[in-house]
C-alpha atoms as a PDB file:
ATOM      1  CA  UNK A   1      17.049  20.159   8.404  1.00  0.00           C
ATOM      2  CA  UNK A   2      20.143  20.959  10.407  1.00  0.00           C
ATOM      3  CA  UNK A   3      23.634  21.880   9.132  1.00  0.00           C
ATOM      4  CA  UNK A   4      25.351  18.842   7.703  1.00  0.00           C
ATOM      5  CA  UNK A   5      24.838  15.640   5.698  1.00  0.00           C
ATOM      6  CA  UNK A   6      26.295  12.606   7.679  1.00  0.00           C
ATOM      7  CA  UNK A   7      29.966  12.097   7.275  1.00  0.00           C
ATOM      8  CA  UNK A   8      29.675   8.348   7.213  1.00  0.00           C
ATOM      9  CA  UNK A   9      27.516   8.302   4.008  1.00  0.00           C
ATOM     10  CA  UNK A  10      29.287   7.332   0.617  1.00  0.00           C
ATOM     11  CA  UNK A  11      28.831   9.863  -2.137  1.00  0.00           C
ATOM     12  CA  UNK A  12      26.613   7.132  -3.863  1.00  0.00           C
ATOM     13  CA  UNK A  13      24.501   6.978  -0.664  1.00  0.00           C
ATOM     14  CA  UNK A  14      24.256  10.812  -0.317  1.00  0.00           C
ATOM     15  CA  UNK A  15      23.170  11.086  -4.039  1.00  0.00           C
ATOM     16  CA  UNK A  16      20.432   8.456  -3.555  1.00  0.00           C
ATOM     17  CA  UNK A  17      19.215  10.108  -0.466  1.00  0.00           C
ATOM     18  CA  UNK A  18      19.247  13.409  -2.266  1.00  0.00           C
ATOM     19  CA  UNK A  19      17.409  11.932  -5.193  1.00  0.00           C
ATOM     20  CA  UNK A  20      14.819  10.535  -2.781  1.00  0.00           C
ATOM     21  CA  UNK A  21      14.147  13.741  -1.039  1.00  0.00           C
ATOM     22  CA  UNK A  22      13.742  15.511  -4.372  1.00  0.00           C
ATOM     23  CA  UNK A  23      11.088  12.972  -5.318  1.00  0.00           C
ATOM     24  CA  UNK A  24       9.330  13.728  -1.976  1.00  0.00           C
ATOM     25  CA  UNK A  25       9.399  17.598  -2.663  1.00  0.00           C
ATOM     26  CA  UNK A  26       8.038  16.719  -5.978  1.00  0.00           C
ATOM     27  CA  UNK A  27       5.171  14.884  -4.569  1.00  0.00           C
ATOM     28  CA  UNK A  28       4.550  17.545  -2.011  1.00  0.00           C
ATOM     29  CA  UNK A  29       4.282  20.195  -4.935  1.00  0.00           C
ATOM     30  CA  UNK A  30       2.077  18.171  -6.835  1.00  0.00           C
ATOM     31  CA  UNK A  31      -0.471  17.505  -3.920  1.00  0.00           C
ATOM     32  CA  UNK A  32      -0.422  21.457  -3.487  1.00  0.00           C
ATOM     33  CA  UNK A  33      -1.001  22.149  -6.977  1.00  0.00           C
ATOM     34  CA  UNK A  34      -3.983  19.651  -7.053  1.00  0.00           C
ATOM     35  CA  UNK A  35      -5.232  21.430  -3.804  1.00  0.00           C
ATOM     36  CA  UNK A  36      -4.789  24.814  -5.493  1.00  0.00           C
ATOM     37  CA  UNK A  37      -6.860  23.764  -8.550  1.00  0.00           C
ATOM     38  CA  UNK A  38      -9.437  22.292  -6.529  1.00  0.00           C
ATOM     39  CA  UNK A  39      -9.458  25.675  -4.648  1.00  0.00           C
ATOM     40  CA  UNK A  40      -8.283  24.000  -1.287  1.00  0.00           C
ATOM     41  CA  UNK A  41      -5.299  26.309  -1.105  1.00  0.00           C
ATOM     42  CA  UNK A  42      -5.000  29.975  -1.584  1.00  0.00           C
ATOM     43  CA  UNK A  43      -2.718  31.227  -4.136  1.00  0.00           C
ATOM     44  CA  UNK A  44      -0.435  33.145  -1.645  1.00  0.00           C
ATOM     45  CA  UNK A  45      -0.282  29.753   0.378  1.00  0.00           C
ATOM     46  CA  UNK A  46       0.896  28.020  -2.727  1.00  0.00           C
ATOM     47  CA  UNK A  47       3.320  30.332  -3.633  1.00  0.00           C
ATOM     48  CA  UNK A  48       4.965  30.350  -0.235  1.00  0.00           C
ATOM     49  CA  UNK A  49       4.748  26.555  -0.272  1.00  0.00           C
ATOM     50  CA  UNK A  50       6.666  26.574  -3.805  1.00  0.00           C
ATOM     51  CA  UNK A  51       9.440  29.026  -2.465  1.00  0.00           C
ATOM     52  CA  UNK A  52       9.606  26.690   0.794  1.00  0.00           C
ATOM     53  CA  UNK A  53      10.201  23.596  -1.430  1.00  0.00           C
ATOM     54  CA  UNK A  54      12.720  25.053  -3.643  1.00  0.00           C
ATOM     55  CA  UNK A  55      14.743  26.404  -0.776  1.00  0.00           C
ATOM     56  CA  UNK A  56      14.711  22.990   0.634  1.00  0.00           C
ATOM     57  CA  UNK A  57      15.780  21.465  -2.734  1.00  0.00           C
ATOM     58  CA  UNK A  58      18.620  24.076  -2.910  1.00  0.00           C
ATOM     59  CA  UNK A  59      19.808  22.915   0.675  1.00  0.00           C
ATOM     60  CA  UNK A  60      19.517  19.301  -0.149  1.00  0.00           C
ATOM     61  CA  UNK A  61      21.418  19.550  -3.415  1.00  0.00           C
ATOM     62  CA  UNK A  62      24.301  21.554  -1.566  1.00  0.00           C
ATOM     63  CA  UNK A  63      24.360  18.533   0.702  1.00  0.00           C
ATOM     64  CA  UNK A  64      24.274  21.086   3.529  1.00  0.00           C
ATOM     65  CA  UNK A  65      21.430  19.341   5.741  1.00  0.00           C
ATOM     66  CA  UNK A  66      21.011  16.618   8.161  1.00  0.00           C
ATOM     67  CA  UNK A  67      17.752  14.740   8.588  1.00  0.00           C
ATOM     68  CA  UNK A  68      16.180  15.130  11.796  1.00  0.00           C
ATOM     69  CA  UNK A  69      14.328  12.387  13.841  1.00  0.00           C
ATOM     70  CA  UNK A  70      10.689  12.445  14.759  1.00  0.00           C
ATOM     71  CA  UNK A  71      11.176  13.715  18.131  1.00  0.00           C
ATOM     72  CA  UNK A  72      12.982  16.714  16.769  1.00  0.00           C
ATOM     73  CA  UNK A  73       9.904  18.005  14.470  1.00  0.00           C
ATOM     74  CA  UNK A  74       8.582  20.091  17.273  1.00  0.00           C
ATOM     75  CA  UNK A  75      11.567  22.477  16.600  1.00  0.00           C
ATOM     76  CA  UNK A  76      10.013  23.606  13.418  1.00  0.00           C
ATOM     77  CA  UNK A  77       6.787  25.060  13.437  1.00  0.00           C
ATOM     78  CA  UNK A  78       5.566  28.127  11.523  1.00  0.00           C
ATOM     79  CA  UNK A  79       3.483  30.738  13.675  1.00  0.00           C
ATOM     80  CA  UNK A  80       0.572  30.568  11.271  1.00  0.00           C
ATOM     81  CA  UNK A  81       0.482  26.857  10.317  1.00  0.00           C
ATOM     82  CA  UNK A  82      -2.811  25.634   8.928  1.00  0.00           C
ATOM     83  CA  UNK A  83      -3.761  21.932   9.274  1.00  0.00           C
ATOM     84  CA  UNK A  84      -5.361  22.269   5.796  1.00  0.00           C
ATOM     85  CA  UNK A  85      -2.163  23.448   4.111  1.00  0.00           C
ATOM     86  CA  UNK A  86      -0.495  20.786   2.070  1.00  0.00           C
ATOM     87  CA  UNK A  87       2.871  22.077   3.205  1.00  0.00           C
ATOM     88  CA  UNK A  88       2.981  21.091   6.726  1.00  0.00           C
ATOM     89  CA  UNK A  89       5.720  19.789   9.061  1.00  0.00           C
ATOM     90  CA  UNK A  90       4.863  16.219   9.033  1.00  0.00           C
ATOM     91  CA  UNK A  91       8.362  15.365   7.610  1.00  0.00           C
ATOM     92  CA  UNK A  92      11.269  17.546   8.793  1.00  0.00           C
ATOM     93  CA  UNK A  93      13.059  17.298   5.628  1.00  0.00           C
ATOM     94  CA  UNK A  94      10.253  18.482   3.529  1.00  0.00           C
ATOM     95  CA  UNK A  95      10.417  21.928   5.357  1.00  0.00           C
ATOM     96  CA  UNK A  96      12.678  24.706   5.747  1.00  0.00           C
ATOM     97  CA  UNK A  97      13.284  27.028   8.567  1.00  0.00           C
ATOM     98  CA  UNK A  98      12.621  30.192   6.150  1.00  0.00           C
ATOM     99  CA  UNK A  99      10.237  32.522   7.932  1.00  0.00           C
ATOM    100  CA  UNK A 100       6.813  32.997   6.587  1.00  0.00           C
END
């Protein structure tokens, strides 16, 4: 995510986009919770992922974001990313730039 929501969007379009992003965050959390219950994710990683998701949700709710294209995804990686972690950087809008 970057600094500002697109100015050309109507309030209704922005609200729809924010609702869709919130649903995607919810789906990510569901996947993470299931992975934790199955023992695939450590509690510490789950805790960070939930905090990261809530931080993203706060930014989205405030409208202070801009969706990044696929070519910009390389700009957002954490030093200790793990491919098995359900909170990955496949979709920029699902992650924040908060340090780990």
